Protein backbone atom coordinates (compact mmCIF):
# COMPACT_ATOMS: atom_id res chain seq x y z
CA UNK A 1 39.90 -43.50 23.92
CA UNK A 2 40.69 -41.17 26.81
CA UNK A 3 38.28 -38.31 27.46
CA UNK A 4 40.97 -35.63 27.97
CA UNK A 5 43.16 -34.30 25.18
CA UNK A 6 45.54 -31.46 24.46
CA UNK A 7 43.31 -30.22 21.64
CA UNK A 8 39.84 -31.06 20.39
CA UNK A 9 39.00 -30.04 16.82
CA UNK A 10 35.30 -29.82 15.93
CA UNK A 11 35.02 -30.58 12.22
CA UNK A 12 37.08 -32.55 9.70
CA UNK A 13 36.75 -30.19 6.75
CA UNK A 14 39.54 -28.11 5.17
CA UNK A 15 40.01 -25.92 8.26
CA UNK A 16 39.98 -28.84 10.69
CA UNK A 17 42.58 -30.96 8.94
CA UNK A 18 44.79 -27.93 8.24
CA UNK A 19 44.86 -27.02 11.93
CA UNK A 20 45.39 -30.66 12.90
CA UNK A 21 48.60 -31.34 10.97
CA UNK A 22 50.94 -28.99 12.90
CA UNK A 23 49.38 -29.98 16.23
CA UNK A 24 49.70 -33.70 15.61
CA UNK A 25 53.21 -33.37 14.17
CA UNK A 26 54.22 -31.55 17.39
CA UNK A 27 53.26 -34.69 19.32
CA UNK A 28 50.10 -33.32 20.94
CA UNK A 29 47.12 -35.54 21.69
CA UNK A 30 44.44 -34.37 19.26
CA UNK A 31 40.82 -35.50 19.01
CA UNK A 32 38.86 -34.62 15.88
CA UNK A 33 35.09 -35.05 15.86
CA UNK A 34 32.62 -34.74 13.00
CA UNK A 35 29.06 -35.65 12.07
CA UNK A 36 30.28 -38.73 10.24
CA UNK A 37 28.07 -38.61 7.16
CA UNK A 38 29.58 -40.78 4.41
CA UNK A 39 28.94 -41.36 0.72
CA UNK A 40 26.37 -44.07 0.05
CA UNK A 41 26.29 -43.84 -3.74
CA UNK A 42 29.24 -44.39 -6.06
CA UNK A 43 30.07 -41.72 -8.61
CA UNK A 44 30.47 -42.71 -12.28
CA UNK A 45 33.53 -44.84 -12.97
CA UNK A 46 33.78 -44.03 -16.69
CA UNK A 47 33.86 -40.74 -18.64
CA UNK A 48 30.65 -38.75 -18.54
CA UNK A 49 29.67 -39.02 -22.21
CA UNK A 50 30.16 -42.76 -22.53
CA UNK A 51 28.34 -43.33 -19.24
CA UNK A 52 25.39 -41.23 -20.40
CA UNK A 53 25.17 -43.27 -23.62
CA UNK A 54 25.79 -46.72 -22.18
CA UNK A 55 24.94 -46.91 -18.46
CA UNK A 56 21.47 -48.39 -18.06
CA UNK A 57 21.45 -47.50 -14.36
CA UNK A 58 22.58 -43.90 -14.71
CA UNK A 59 19.29 -42.77 -13.18
CA UNK A 60 20.66 -43.86 -9.80
CA UNK A 61 23.32 -41.13 -9.77
CA UNK A 62 21.43 -38.65 -11.99
CA UNK A 63 18.08 -38.71 -10.19
CA UNK A 64 18.58 -41.00 -7.18
CA UNK A 65 16.72 -44.05 -5.99
CA UNK A 66 14.70 -41.83 -3.64
CA UNK A 67 14.31 -39.16 -6.39
CA UNK A 68 16.71 -36.81 -4.58
CA UNK A 69 17.26 -34.56 -7.63
CA UNK A 70 13.50 -34.01 -7.97
CA UNK A 71 12.97 -33.42 -4.27
CA UNK A 72 15.66 -30.71 -4.37
CA UNK A 73 14.39 -29.16 -7.59
CA UNK A 74 14.32 -25.66 -6.02
CA UNK A 75 17.86 -25.83 -4.61
CA UNK A 76 20.12 -23.03 -5.86
CA UNK A 77 23.02 -25.19 -7.06
CA UNK A 78 23.29 -28.39 -9.13
CA UNK A 79 25.58 -29.74 -6.38
CA UNK A 80 22.66 -29.69 -3.95
CA UNK A 81 20.62 -31.79 -6.39
CA UNK A 82 23.31 -34.36 -7.28
CA UNK A 83 22.37 -37.66 -5.57
CA UNK A 84 26.07 -38.56 -5.19
CA UNK A 85 26.44 -35.54 -2.88
CA UNK A 86 23.19 -35.87 -0.92
CA UNK A 87 25.05 -37.13 2.17
CA UNK A 88 27.23 -33.99 2.24
CA UNK A 89 24.32 -31.71 3.16
CA UNK A 90 22.06 -34.23 4.92
CA UNK A 91 20.52 -33.16 8.26
CA UNK A 92 22.72 -30.08 8.70
CA UNK A 93 19.89 -27.54 9.07
CA UNK A 94 17.97 -29.61 11.63
CA UNK A 95 20.98 -30.51 13.77
CA UNK A 96 22.09 -26.88 13.92
CA UNK A 97 18.60 -25.51 14.61
CA UNK A 98 18.76 -23.05 11.72
CA UNK A 99 15.86 -20.94 10.50
CA UNK A 100 16.68 -18.79 7.48
CA UNK A 101 14.75 -15.99 5.79
CA UNK A 102 15.88 -14.67 2.39
CA UNK A 103 19.06 -16.69 2.81
CA UNK A 104 20.32 -20.02 1.44
CA UNK A 105 21.82 -21.85 4.43
CA UNK A 106 24.19 -24.69 3.58
CA UNK A 107 26.61 -26.72 5.69
CA UNK A 108 27.80 -30.25 6.20
CA UNK A 109 27.99 -33.03 8.78
CA UNK A 110 30.09 -35.21 6.46
CA UNK A 111 33.64 -36.39 6.97
CA UNK A 112 35.61 -33.82 4.98
CA UNK A 113 32.79 -31.28 5.20
CA UNK A 114 31.81 -29.17 2.21
CA UNK A 115 35.09 -29.99 0.43
CA UNK A 116 33.32 -33.13 -0.78
CA UNK A 117 31.28 -30.94 -3.12
CA UNK A 118 33.09 -27.66 -3.75
CA UNK A 119 34.21 -25.89 -6.91
CA UNK A 120 37.93 -26.17 -6.02
CA UNK A 121 38.61 -22.48 -6.67
CA UNK A 122 41.67 -21.17 -4.82
CA UNK A 123 43.39 -17.81 -4.38
CA UNK A 124 45.79 -16.03 -2.06
CA UNK A 125 44.96 -12.71 -0.41
CA UNK A 126 47.19 -9.81 -1.43
CA UNK A 127 49.14 -7.54 0.94
CA UNK A 128 46.37 -4.94 0.71
CA UNK A 129 43.66 -7.53 1.41
CA UNK A 130 45.54 -8.69 4.53
CA UNK A 131 46.10 -5.16 5.83
CA UNK A 132 43.25 -5.34 8.38
CA UNK A 133 44.16 -8.80 9.66
CA UNK A 134 45.75 -8.75 13.15
CA UNK A 135 48.93 -10.67 12.31
CA UNK A 136 51.99 -10.23 10.09
CA UNK A 137 51.54 -11.20 6.46
CA UNK A 138 54.69 -13.34 6.71
CA UNK A 139 52.92 -15.76 9.08
CA UNK A 140 50.18 -16.68 6.65
CA UNK A 141 52.50 -16.59 3.62
CA UNK A 142 54.36 -19.61 5.00
CA UNK A 143 51.06 -21.37 5.61
CA UNK A 144 49.79 -20.65 2.09
CA UNK A 145 52.85 -22.50 0.81
CA UNK A 146 52.41 -25.41 3.26
CA UNK A 147 48.77 -25.95 2.35
CA UNK A 148 49.23 -25.42 -1.39
CA UNK A 149 51.99 -28.02 -1.59
CA UNK A 150 49.94 -30.49 0.47
CA UNK A 151 46.64 -30.33 -1.40
CA UNK A 152 47.96 -29.81 -4.94
CA UNK A 153 46.92 -26.82 -7.03
CA UNK A 154 47.01 -26.50 -10.82
CA UNK A 155 46.82 -23.53 -13.14
CA UNK A 156 50.29 -21.97 -12.97
CA UNK A 157 50.56 -19.76 -16.03
CA UNK A 158 52.23 -16.50 -16.99
CA UNK A 159 49.03 -14.57 -17.60
CA UNK A 160 47.17 -11.46 -16.49
CA UNK A 161 45.86 -13.09 -13.29
CA UNK A 162 49.17 -14.52 -12.03
CA UNK A 163 49.62 -11.74 -9.46
CA UNK A 164 45.91 -11.72 -8.61
CA UNK A 165 45.97 -15.39 -7.57
CA UNK A 166 49.53 -15.28 -6.17
CA UNK A 167 50.03 -19.06 -6.18
CA UNK A 168 52.05 -19.96 -9.27
CA UNK A 169 55.39 -20.52 -7.53
CA UNK A 170 53.91 -23.54 -5.69
CA UNK A 171 51.45 -24.77 -8.32
CA UNK A 172 51.28 -27.42 -11.02
CA UNK A 173 50.70 -26.57 -14.70
CA UNK A 174 47.10 -25.99 -15.85
CA UNK A 175 44.74 -28.80 -16.78
CA UNK A 176 44.12 -28.78 -20.55
CA UNK A 177 41.30 -26.52 -21.79
CA UNK A 178 38.45 -27.50 -24.07
CA UNK A 179 38.27 -25.97 -27.56
CA UNK A 180 35.71 -23.32 -26.57
CA UNK A 181 37.88 -21.96 -23.77
CA UNK A 182 41.03 -22.19 -25.86
CA UNK A 183 39.46 -20.15 -28.65
CA UNK A 184 38.28 -17.50 -26.20
CA UNK A 185 41.72 -17.30 -24.53
CA UNK A 186 43.37 -16.90 -27.94
CA UNK A 187 40.97 -14.05 -28.70
CA UNK A 188 41.83 -12.39 -25.38
CA UNK A 189 45.48 -12.08 -26.39
CA UNK A 190 44.39 -9.94 -29.34
CA UNK A 191 42.02 -7.67 -27.41
CA UNK A 192 43.77 -6.98 -24.10
CA UNK A 193 43.95 -3.23 -24.49
CA UNK A 194 40.25 -2.81 -25.28
CA UNK A 195 39.26 -5.14 -22.45
CA UNK A 196 41.45 -3.37 -19.92
CA UNK A 197 39.45 -0.19 -20.54
CA UNK A 198 36.39 -2.15 -19.36
CA UNK A 199 38.24 -3.22 -16.20
CA UNK A 200 38.34 -6.82 -17.50
CA UNK A 201 41.35 -9.14 -17.10
CA UNK A 202 41.47 -12.86 -17.89
CA UNK A 203 43.71 -15.80 -17.06
CA UNK A 204 43.71 -19.51 -16.36
CA UNK A 205 41.70 -20.63 -13.35
CA UNK A 206 43.71 -21.77 -10.34
CA UNK A 207 42.03 -24.82 -8.88
CA UNK A 208 42.69 -27.47 -6.22
CA UNK A 209 42.70 -30.17 -8.89
CA UNK A 210 45.73 -32.15 -9.96
CA UNK A 211 47.36 -31.98 -13.38
CA UNK A 212 50.09 -34.28 -12.01
CA UNK A 213 49.83 -37.23 -9.61
CA UNK A 214 50.41 -36.72 -5.89
CA UNK A 215 50.87 -39.99 -3.98
CA UNK A 216 47.68 -42.06 -4.45
CA UNK A 217 45.73 -39.18 -5.98
CA UNK A 218 45.85 -39.22 -9.78
CA UNK A 219 45.86 -36.33 -12.22
CA UNK A 220 42.67 -35.16 -13.90
CA UNK A 221 41.78 -37.37 -16.88
CA UNK A 222 39.15 -34.96 -18.30
CA UNK A 223 36.34 -37.43 -17.68
CA UNK A 224 33.78 -34.63 -17.21
CA UNK A 225 32.46 -36.05 -13.93
CA UNK A 226 33.49 -33.17 -11.67
CA UNK A 227 29.90 -32.48 -10.57
CA UNK A 228 29.28 -36.10 -9.61
CA UNK A 229 32.57 -37.13 -8.01
CA UNK A 230 36.12 -37.72 -9.25
CA UNK A 231 37.23 -41.34 -9.58
CA UNK A 232 40.89 -40.24 -9.62
CA UNK A 233 40.61 -38.10 -6.48
CA UNK A 234 42.13 -35.32 -8.58
CA UNK A 235 39.79 -32.82 -6.88
CA UNK A 236 40.98 -32.07 -3.35
CA UNK A 237 38.77 -33.12 -0.47
CA UNK A 238 39.74 -32.90 3.19
CA UNK A 239 38.65 -36.52 3.57
CA UNK A 240 41.80 -37.47 1.63
CA UNK A 241 43.91 -35.96 4.44
CA UNK A 242 42.38 -38.11 7.18
CA UNK A 243 44.45 -41.27 6.42
CA UNK A 244 47.67 -39.25 6.79
CA UNK A 245 46.53 -37.89 10.15
CA UNK A 246 45.46 -41.33 11.33
CA UNK A 247 48.99 -42.65 10.87
CA UNK A 248 49.88 -40.73 14.03
CA UNK A 249 49.19 -42.57 17.29
CA UNK A 250 48.44 -39.29 19.02
CA UNK A 251 45.58 -38.48 16.62
CA UNK A 252 42.07 -39.70 17.42
CA UNK A 253 39.02 -39.43 15.19
CA UNK A 254 35.49 -39.69 16.55
CA UNK A 255 33.18 -39.91 13.55
CA UNK A 256 29.42 -39.62 13.83
CA UNK A 257 29.57 -37.30 16.84
CA UNK A 258 27.32 -34.22 16.96
CA UNK A 259 28.57 -31.47 19.24
CA UNK A 260 25.71 -29.86 21.15
CA UNK A 261 27.62 -27.57 23.46
CA UNK A 262 31.02 -26.11 24.22
CA UNK A 263 31.40 -25.81 27.99
CA UNK A 264 33.85 -23.84 30.14
CA UNK A 265 33.90 -24.26 33.91
CA UNK A 266 36.71 -22.22 35.45
CA UNK A 267 39.74 -23.46 33.51
CA UNK A 268 38.13 -26.69 32.28
CA UNK A 269 37.05 -26.87 28.62
CA UNK A 270 34.82 -29.57 27.18
CA UNK A 271 32.51 -30.45 24.34
CA UNK A 272 29.25 -32.24 25.01
CA UNK A 273 27.33 -34.13 22.37
CA UNK A 274 25.99 -37.42 21.12
CA UNK A 275 26.49 -40.17 18.61
CA UNK A 276 23.86 -42.68 17.57
CA UNK A 277 24.00 -44.44 20.94
CA UNK A 278 24.89 -42.15 23.85
CA UNK A 279 25.63 -38.68 25.18
CA UNK A 280 29.32 -38.00 25.85
CA UNK A 281 31.72 -35.38 27.14
CA UNK A 282 35.32 -34.86 26.01
CA UNK A 283 37.77 -32.49 27.73
CA UNK A 284 40.81 -30.67 26.41
CA UNK A 285 43.24 -27.83 27.09
CA UNK A 286 42.19 -26.15 23.85
CA UNK A 287 39.10 -26.44 21.64
CA UNK A 288 39.28 -25.47 17.95
CA UNK A 289 36.01 -24.77 16.16
CA UNK A 290 36.22 -25.82 12.50
CA UNK A 291 32.65 -26.93 11.84
CA UNK A 292 31.97 -24.42 9.05
CA UNK A 293 30.95 -20.79 9.54
CA UNK A 294 27.30 -21.41 10.39
CA UNK A 295 27.80 -24.33 12.79
CA UNK A 296 30.83 -22.73 14.43
CA UNK A 297 28.94 -19.46 14.92
CA UNK A 298 26.09 -21.31 16.57
CA UNK A 299 28.38 -23.19 18.96
CA UNK A 300 30.31 -20.04 19.87
CA UNK A 301 27.28 -17.79 20.45
CA UNK A 302 25.52 -20.46 22.50
CA UNK A 303 28.61 -20.93 24.68
CA UNK A 304 28.90 -17.16 25.18
CA UNK A 305 25.14 -16.82 25.77
CA UNK A 306 25.38 -14.01 23.23
CA UNK A 307 21.92 -13.04 21.97
CA UNK A 308 22.76 -9.87 20.03
CA UNK A 309 22.97 -10.14 16.26
CA UNK A 310 26.26 -10.70 14.43
CA UNK A 311 26.91 -9.86 10.82
CA UNK A 312 27.64 -12.62 8.34
CA UNK A 313 29.52 -11.80 5.15
CA UNK A 314 28.68 -13.68 1.96
CA UNK A 315 29.41 -12.75 -1.65
CA UNK A 316 26.66 -11.31 -3.85
CA UNK A 317 26.78 -13.62 -6.86
CA UNK A 318 25.36 -14.09 -10.32
CA UNK A 319 25.44 -16.72 -13.08
CA UNK A 320 25.24 -16.37 -16.85
CA UNK A 321 25.39 -18.34 -20.10
CA UNK A 322 27.77 -17.58 -22.99
CA UNK A 323 27.23 -18.72 -26.58
CA UNK A 324 30.03 -18.81 -29.18
CA UNK A 325 28.21 -18.64 -32.55
CA UNK A 326 31.29 -19.73 -34.53
CA UNK A 327 31.44 -22.93 -32.48
CA UNK A 328 27.84 -23.94 -33.26
CA UNK A 329 27.78 -27.67 -33.96
CA UNK A 330 31.06 -28.34 -32.11
CA UNK A 331 31.43 -31.96 -31.09
CA UNK A 332 30.81 -32.87 -27.45
CA UNK A 333 34.01 -34.23 -25.91
CA UNK A 334 34.90 -35.14 -22.34
CA UNK A 335 36.73 -32.33 -20.54
CA UNK A 336 37.47 -30.81 -17.15
CA UNK A 337 34.17 -29.51 -15.79
CA UNK A 338 35.31 -26.95 -13.21
CA UNK A 339 36.77 -23.48 -13.82
CA UNK A 340 39.01 -23.27 -16.89
CA UNK A 341 39.28 -19.50 -17.37
CA UNK A 342 38.79 -16.81 -14.73
CA UNK A 343 38.40 -13.05 -14.85
CA UNK A 344 38.57 -10.03 -12.58
CA UNK A 345 36.42 -6.95 -13.13
CA UNK A 346 37.30 -3.56 -11.61
CA UNK A 347 34.64 -1.03 -10.58
CA UNK A 348 34.80 2.53 -9.22
CA UNK A 349 35.25 2.77 -5.47
CA UNK A 350 38.01 0.16 -5.38
CA UNK A 351 35.54 -2.73 -5.84
CA UNK A 352 36.64 -5.85 -7.69
CA UNK A 353 34.47 -8.74 -8.86
CA UNK A 354 35.75 -12.18 -9.77
CA UNK A 355 34.38 -15.08 -11.78
CA UNK A 356 35.13 -18.15 -13.85
CA UNK A 357 33.73 -19.97 -16.85
CA UNK A 358 32.96 -23.67 -17.10
CA UNK A 359 32.14 -26.23 -19.74
CA UNK A 360 28.48 -27.24 -19.96
CA UNK A 361 29.62 -30.87 -20.16
CA UNK A 362 28.72 -32.92 -17.11
CA UNK A 363 25.76 -30.70 -16.26
CA UNK A 364 22.34 -32.22 -17.02
CA UNK A 365 20.31 -30.37 -19.67
CA UNK A 366 17.53 -30.00 -17.10
CA UNK A 367 19.74 -27.50 -15.23
CA UNK A 368 19.53 -25.19 -18.23
CA UNK A 369 15.93 -25.92 -19.24
CA UNK A 370 14.67 -24.72 -15.85
CA UNK A 371 15.97 -21.20 -16.64
CA UNK A 372 14.73 -20.96 -20.24
CA UNK A 373 11.88 -18.50 -21.03
CA UNK A 374 9.91 -21.05 -23.06
CA UNK A 375 8.28 -24.46 -22.68
CA UNK A 376 10.40 -27.43 -21.67
CA UNK A 377 9.89 -29.16 -24.99
CA UNK A 378 11.11 -26.24 -27.10
CA UNK A 379 13.87 -25.47 -24.62
CA UNK A 380 15.18 -29.03 -24.97
CA UNK A 381 15.08 -28.81 -28.76
CA UNK A 382 17.02 -25.54 -28.74
CA UNK A 383 19.60 -26.59 -26.15
CA UNK A 384 20.25 -29.90 -27.89
CA UNK A 385 21.84 -27.93 -30.72
CA UNK A 386 23.19 -25.00 -28.71
CA UNK A 387 24.86 -26.36 -25.56
CA UNK A 388 27.98 -27.76 -27.21
CA UNK A 389 28.89 -24.17 -28.19
CA UNK A 390 28.05 -22.65 -24.78
CA UNK A 391 29.92 -21.95 -21.55
CA UNK A 392 28.60 -21.22 -18.06
CA UNK A 393 29.94 -18.31 -16.02
CA UNK A 394 29.70 -17.07 -12.44
CA UNK A 395 30.45 -13.78 -10.73
CA UNK A 396 31.30 -12.86 -7.11
CA UNK A 397 31.43 -9.49 -5.38
CA UNK A 398 33.10 -8.89 -1.98
CA UNK A 399 31.28 -10.01 1.14
CA UNK A 400 31.19 -6.53 2.69
CA UNK A 401 28.28 -5.83 0.33
CA UNK A 402 26.07 -8.26 2.26
CA UNK A 403 23.85 -7.21 5.16
CA UNK A 404 22.98 -10.68 6.48
CA UNK A 405 22.57 -10.99 10.24
CA UNK A 406 22.54 -13.98 12.61
CA UNK A 407 21.04 -14.25 16.07
CA UNK A 408 20.97 -17.22 18.40
CA UNK A 409 18.13 -17.09 20.89
CA UNK A 410 17.90 -18.46 24.43
CA UNK A 411 16.57 -21.78 23.10
CA UNK A 412 19.65 -22.20 20.92
CA UNK A 413 17.85 -21.59 17.63
CA UNK A 414 19.86 -19.77 14.95
CA UNK A 415 17.92 -17.21 12.94
CA UNK A 416 19.45 -15.89 9.74
CA UNK A 417 18.03 -12.92 7.84
CA UNK A 418 19.74 -12.41 4.51
CA UNK A 419 20.24 -9.24 2.54
CA UNK A 420 22.50 -7.18 0.31
CA UNK A 421 23.60 -3.55 0.33
CA UNK A 422 21.45 -1.21 -1.77
CA UNK A 423 24.45 -0.72 -4.09
CA UNK A 424 24.46 -4.35 -5.23
CA UNK A 425 21.64 -3.98 -7.76
CA UNK A 426 23.49 -1.22 -9.60
CA UNK A 427 26.78 -3.11 -9.48
CA UNK A 428 25.10 -6.19 -10.94
CA UNK A 429 23.63 -4.16 -13.81
CA UNK A 430 27.01 -2.59 -14.50
CA UNK A 431 28.70 -6.02 -14.33
CA UNK A 432 26.24 -7.53 -16.80
CA UNK A 433 26.86 -4.66 -19.23
CA UNK A 434 30.66 -4.93 -18.96
CA UNK A 435 30.66 -8.70 -19.27
CA UNK A 436 28.39 -8.52 -22.31
CA UNK A 437 30.81 -6.10 -24.02
CA UNK A 438 33.93 -7.99 -22.91
CA UNK A 439 32.81 -11.44 -24.03
CA UNK A 440 31.46 -10.08 -27.32
CA UNK A 441 35.00 -8.97 -28.14
CA UNK A 442 36.07 -12.55 -27.35
CA UNK A 443 33.53 -14.00 -29.79
CA UNK A 444 30.90 -14.94 -27.24
CA UNK A 445 27.35 -13.66 -26.73
CA UNK A 446 26.10 -13.29 -23.18
CA UNK A 447 22.71 -14.87 -23.74
CA UNK A 448 19.74 -12.53 -23.22
CA UNK A 449 17.94 -13.05 -19.89
CA UNK A 450 20.61 -15.51 -18.71
CA UNK A 451 22.39 -13.13 -16.29
CA UNK A 452 20.77 -14.08 -12.99
CA UNK A 453 21.56 -12.68 -9.56
CA UNK A 454 21.67 -15.29 -6.80
CA UNK A 455 19.92 -15.21 -3.45
CA UNK A 456 21.90 -14.17 -0.37
CA UNK A 457 23.88 -17.19 0.80
CA UNK A 458 23.70 -18.92 -2.57
CA UNK A 459 27.44 -18.40 -3.00
CA UNK A 460 28.10 -20.65 0.04
CA UNK A 461 31.04 -18.33 0.79
CA UNK A 462 30.20 -17.56 4.42
CA UNK A 463 32.56 -15.78 6.81
CA UNK A 464 33.41 -13.12 9.37
CA UNK A 465 30.74 -13.72 12.02
CA UNK A 466 33.47 -13.96 14.69
CA UNK A 467 36.13 -11.84 12.98
CA UNK A 468 39.77 -11.58 14.04
CA UNK A 469 40.47 -8.10 15.37
CA UNK A 470 43.44 -6.32 16.97
CA UNK A 471 41.33 -5.57 20.05
CA UNK A 472 38.48 -8.09 19.99
CA UNK A 473 35.24 -7.49 21.84
CA UNK A 474 32.84 -10.17 23.02
CA UNK A 475 31.91 -12.34 20.07
CA UNK A 476 35.09 -11.51 18.15
CA UNK A 477 38.47 -13.25 18.00
CA UNK A 478 42.11 -12.22 18.32
CA UNK A 479 44.96 -12.85 15.88
CA UNK A 480 45.18 -16.47 17.02
CA UNK A 481 41.46 -17.05 16.57
CA UNK A 482 40.85 -17.11 20.34
CA UNK A 483 37.27 -16.18 21.16
CA UNK A 484 36.92 -13.12 23.40
CA UNK A 485 34.96 -14.15 26.49
CA UNK A 486 35.84 -17.83 26.12
CA UNK A 487 39.58 -18.29 26.68
CA UNK A 488 41.00 -21.49 25.24
CA UNK A 489 38.38 -21.74 22.49
CA UNK A 490 39.78 -20.87 19.06
CA UNK A 491 37.90 -20.36 15.80
CA UNK A 492 39.85 -21.62 12.76
CA UNK A 493 37.31 -21.72 9.92
CA UNK A 494 35.67 -19.01 7.82
CA UNK A 495 33.88 -17.52 10.82
CA UNK A 496 37.11 -15.86 11.99
CA UNK A 497 38.16 -14.23 8.70
CA UNK A 498 38.45 -10.47 9.21
CA UNK A 499 36.80 -9.83 5.83
CA UNK A 500 35.56 -11.74 2.79
CA UNK A 501 37.18 -10.95 -0.54
CA UNK A 502 35.52 -11.64 -3.88
CA UNK A 503 38.14 -14.35 -4.36
CA UNK A 504 37.58 -17.99 -3.49
CA UNK A 505 38.20 -18.11 0.26
CA UNK A 506 38.81 -21.79 1.10
CA UNK A 507 42.59 -21.68 0.66
CA UNK A 508 42.82 -18.65 2.96
CA UNK A 509 40.73 -20.49 5.57
CA UNK A 510 43.12 -23.46 5.34
CA UNK A 511 46.25 -21.30 5.49
CA UNK A 512 44.92 -19.41 8.50
CA UNK A 513 44.03 -22.68 10.25
CA UNK A 514 47.54 -24.00 9.58
CA UNK A 515 48.99 -20.74 10.92
CA UNK A 516 46.93 -20.92 14.13
CA UNK A 517 47.75 -24.63 14.54
CA UNK A 518 51.49 -23.89 14.37
CA UNK A 519 51.21 -21.08 16.92
CA UNK A 520 49.16 -23.18 19.35
CA UNK A 521 51.49 -26.15 18.99
CA UNK A 522 54.39 -23.99 20.20
CA UNK A 523 52.37 -22.44 23.03
CA UNK A 524 51.10 -25.74 24.35
CA UNK A 525 54.58 -27.26 24.13
CA UNK A 526 55.99 -24.21 25.93
CA UNK A 527 58.20 -23.16 23.00
CA UNK A 528 58.83 -19.44 22.56
């Protein structure tokens, strides 16, 4: 492998692969590097319910041979406790020298990045939401289509969230709903007018999960194993794009490489880092940072020697449990375990919240017991009868309500201090009240004491530390993601988003990376 390339991409997650495709297809020599963490434990090969009844070794993927689930008992998300996903998050904090206070810091050194363990929620930003971005909406519209068709999205439906998501023209039909969601959706049709007065709208979730086969990836079979890993590869992961990139002779992949520094000497750009055996340097005409918002921010601020604080946007979030009394005693059946129905919730001051509801299938009972206001024994007895008639919900507010700040000191350590705007507490109380009223009209009780606000960073929707601006200052980026003060270095992941909507942001990150990749491909090739 030569040590000089047209483009080096740091990270093989959704942003990295999306930027890579147009560059590689233009014939440019592209090197992609990543931390190289790989899965070491197989996910269940049979439907969740039958595996739980019959698999004598289920403890290996439920608890882990090294008791991973117990060691991570205080982690904010079940994904962080699932042994099948332990590799995704392994060693990220240490390698990136992160110290966090009042903030849940999460990232990945795995091939495919955090897309190995995400919720697959997708959405397109509206014209109004793109108004402050320093490029024409038409540029990213084309890239939304490119990415959507490549990764496969399901959920297209003529409902009250069609315009909100903005993806139906390129999407597959929805994955079938379970009986609890279907009953609630039927009830919604009869109560739209009342719910609109509460600012509540509902529709099918749009998710990067297949309802129809695409190449070697198979459609969802409702096995209920979404939390643990999909045997059909129905859930999109950037790792599934790597084989397509590797078919190109001008694409090079260096797995297991940790980037320590981005270096610029005059016009020369390079990354310096190490694998398990040696320290290496690779040079390129352009460097694209796609390592995830936290890692990318660290690399950029260290290269700039920028020691002032930068603001990080993350979404204030909450979770809640819904019980449908009329469905008490419903049979447990295998079903899709990610978002099935979604909602938007309008507040005064032009604030919108967004959330989805999920089946409780595929989630260990221990995840619910830990939040119950009674002993574990009695909680288990109650939930054994109740869970089959319950749904789980989440809620996200826009990232501009966060006050989290990041600094990188002279020793390269990243310090993160998390926080929310003083208005968040009131918004959460209002949201809980509106959701309680809305779901009651749909035949569901928002369980008392179940509405729980998450810690800053617990959403794992991080962005806007190096935001794209019309006239970027040091530590910001221009419309092509180029970092002010470090010409030739472009940010293509969540760190460069101009703002963070309440909507799921991964598809926008991918579309923006594709957009920047197309622009750079033309510039490097000398095409106007």
